[in-house]
Amino acid sequence: MTPAEIKRKRTESVLKELLPEAFSTLDDERINHLNVTEVLCSRGRYDARVYLDPIGLDEKEQGEALKQLRKVSAHLKNHIRDSEGWYKAPNFVFEFDTHLEHISKMDALFKQIATKEESGKTDES
């Protein structure tokens, strides 16, 4: 790993810890308890893509939460900049993480395949 990659990974790790803390300082219940699953910074660390856990929120609530997060992103940047002593905090792009949903769907499909194979083996015996 190059030194630039190490710095980027360190920034991602710090943001993953600090963003939930920053969310908890807000008065909005929709975003107070959001969990950050992943943070990916751009090469120059000017932008950060923040993936959130969608558990407990339907699509309408997710849209409202994203809208509210865009409104308070300046507050989040100030909180992170002040708490870490950084000169500049990255611009945030928030998304809900759908990887967990895809993984659970794939697990369900594998279970279906396994049960069909087992039932096929018992029919042959």
Protein backbone atom coordinates (compact mmCIF):
# COMPACT_ATOMS: atom_id res chain seq x y z
CA MET A 1 0.00 0.00 0.00
CA THR A 2 1.19 3.46 -0.81
CA PRO A 3 1.23 6.20 1.84
CA ALA A 4 -1.66 7.94 0.08
CA GLU A 5 -3.79 4.78 0.27
CA ILE A 6 -2.96 4.41 3.96
CA LYS A 7 -4.07 8.00 4.62
CA ARG A 8 -7.28 7.43 2.68
CA LYS A 9 -8.05 4.24 4.65
CA ARG A 10 -7.34 6.05 7.91
CA THR A 11 -9.70 8.87 6.91
CA GLU A 12 -12.40 6.36 6.00
CA SER A 13 -12.01 4.66 9.37
CA VAL A 14 -12.22 7.94 11.29
CA LEU A 15 -15.31 9.00 9.33
CA LYS A 16 -16.98 5.65 9.96
CA GLU A 17 -16.59 6.25 13.71
CA LEU A 18 -17.43 9.96 13.77
CA LEU A 19 -20.48 10.09 11.51
CA PRO A 20 -22.81 8.12 13.85
CA GLU A 21 -21.65 10.42 16.66
CA ALA A 22 -22.49 13.44 14.49
CA PHE A 23 -25.89 11.93 13.63
CA SER A 24 -26.70 11.59 17.33
CA THR A 25 -26.18 15.34 17.87
CA LEU A 26 -29.07 16.12 15.51
CA ASP A 27 -32.66 16.52 16.67
CA ASP A 28 -34.16 14.53 13.80
CA GLU A 29 -35.33 11.06 14.83
CA ARG A 30 -35.14 9.81 11.23
CA ILE A 31 -31.38 10.12 11.15
CA ASN A 32 -30.41 10.01 14.82
CA HIS A 33 -29.95 6.26 14.91
CA LEU A 34 -28.63 5.52 11.43
CA ASN A 35 -25.71 3.12 11.29
CA VAL A 36 -22.81 3.63 8.90
CA THR A 37 -21.82 0.39 7.19
CA GLU A 38 -19.05 1.71 4.95
CA VAL A 39 -17.27 4.92 3.99
CA LEU A 40 -15.33 5.21 0.74
CA CYS A 41 -13.25 8.33 0.14
CA SER A 42 -12.19 9.61 -3.25
CA ARG A 43 -8.54 9.60 -4.18
CA GLY A 44 -7.89 13.13 -2.93
CA ARG A 45 -10.20 12.67 0.08
CA TYR A 46 -12.37 15.60 -1.04
CA ASP A 47 -15.49 13.45 -1.39
CA ALA A 48 -16.75 10.56 0.69
CA ARG A 49 -19.50 8.11 -0.20
CA VAL A 50 -21.25 7.03 3.01
CA TYR A 51 -23.26 3.80 3.02
CA LEU A 52 -26.01 3.53 5.63
CA ASP A 53 -27.84 0.53 7.05
CA PRO A 54 -31.47 0.57 5.82
CA ILE A 55 -32.84 -1.79 8.48
CA GLY A 56 -36.12 -0.55 9.94
CA LEU A 57 -36.80 1.99 7.18
CA ASP A 58 -39.08 1.59 4.19
CA GLU A 59 -38.28 3.26 0.87
CA LYS A 60 -40.24 6.42 1.65
CA GLU A 61 -38.48 6.86 5.00
CA GLN A 62 -35.12 6.22 3.32
CA GLY A 63 -35.83 8.97 0.80
CA GLU A 64 -36.79 11.39 3.57
CA ALA A 65 -33.68 10.50 5.56
CA LEU A 66 -31.43 11.08 2.54
CA LYS A 67 -33.12 14.42 1.89
CA GLN A 68 -32.57 15.47 5.50
CA LEU A 69 -28.95 14.29 5.44
CA ARG A 70 -28.28 16.47 2.39
CA LYS A 71 -29.71 19.43 4.31
CA VAL A 72 -27.51 18.88 7.38
CA SER A 73 -24.32 17.87 5.57
CA ALA A 74 -22.72 21.25 6.37
CA HIS A 75 -23.34 20.64 10.09
CA LEU A 76 -21.86 17.15 9.79
CA LYS A 77 -18.77 18.52 8.02
CA ASN A 78 -18.30 21.15 10.76
CA HIS A 79 -18.71 18.54 13.52
CA ILE A 80 -16.11 16.25 11.99
CA ARG A 81 -13.72 19.06 11.16
CA ASP A 82 -13.93 20.42 14.72
CA SER A 83 -13.65 17.07 16.47
CA GLU A 84 -10.61 15.96 14.47
CA GLY A 85 -8.95 19.34 14.04
CA TRP A 86 -8.92 18.99 10.27
CA TYR A 87 -8.65 22.01 8.01
CA LYS A 88 -11.28 20.60 5.65
CA ALA A 89 -13.78 17.75 5.81
CA PRO A 90 -14.89 15.84 2.70
CA ASN A 91 -18.18 16.41 0.91
CA PHE A 92 -20.60 13.61 1.74
CA VAL A 93 -22.77 11.57 -0.58
CA PHE A 94 -25.18 9.37 1.37
CA GLU A 95 -26.64 6.10 0.11
CA PHE A 96 -28.40 3.19 1.72
CA ASP A 97 -26.42 -0.04 1.55
CA THR A 98 -28.29 -2.72 -0.40
CA HIS A 99 -25.48 -5.29 -0.27
CA LEU A 100 -26.94 -6.95 2.82
CA GLU A 101 -30.31 -7.29 1.08
CA HIS A 102 -28.67 -8.89 -1.97
CA ILE A 103 -26.71 -11.29 0.24
CA SER A 104 -29.84 -12.41 2.09
CA LYS A 105 -31.67 -12.98 -1.23
CA MET A 106 -28.76 -15.06 -2.51
CA ASP A 107 -28.70 -17.09 0.72
CA ALA A 108 -32.41 -17.79 0.31
CA LEU A 109 -31.84 -18.97 -3.27
CA PHE A 110 -29.01 -21.26 -2.18
CA LYS A 111 -31.26 -22.74 0.50
CA GLN A 112 -33.96 -23.38 -2.11
CA ILE A 113 -31.44 -25.11 -4.36
CA ALA A 114 -30.17 -27.23 -1.47
CA THR A 115 -33.70 -28.34 -0.49
CA LYS A 116 -34.50 -29.22 -4.13
CA GLU A 117 -31.31 -31.26 -4.42
CA GLU A 118 -32.07 -33.07 -1.18
CA SER A 119 -35.61 -33.86 -2.28
CA GLY A 120 -34.27 -35.08 -5.64
CA LYS A 121 -31.83 -37.43 -3.90
CA THR A 122 -34.53 -38.94 -1.71
CA ASP A 123 -36.76 -39.52 -4.76
CA GLU A 124 -33.96 -41.44 -6.50
CA SER A 125 -33.37 -43.76 -3.52
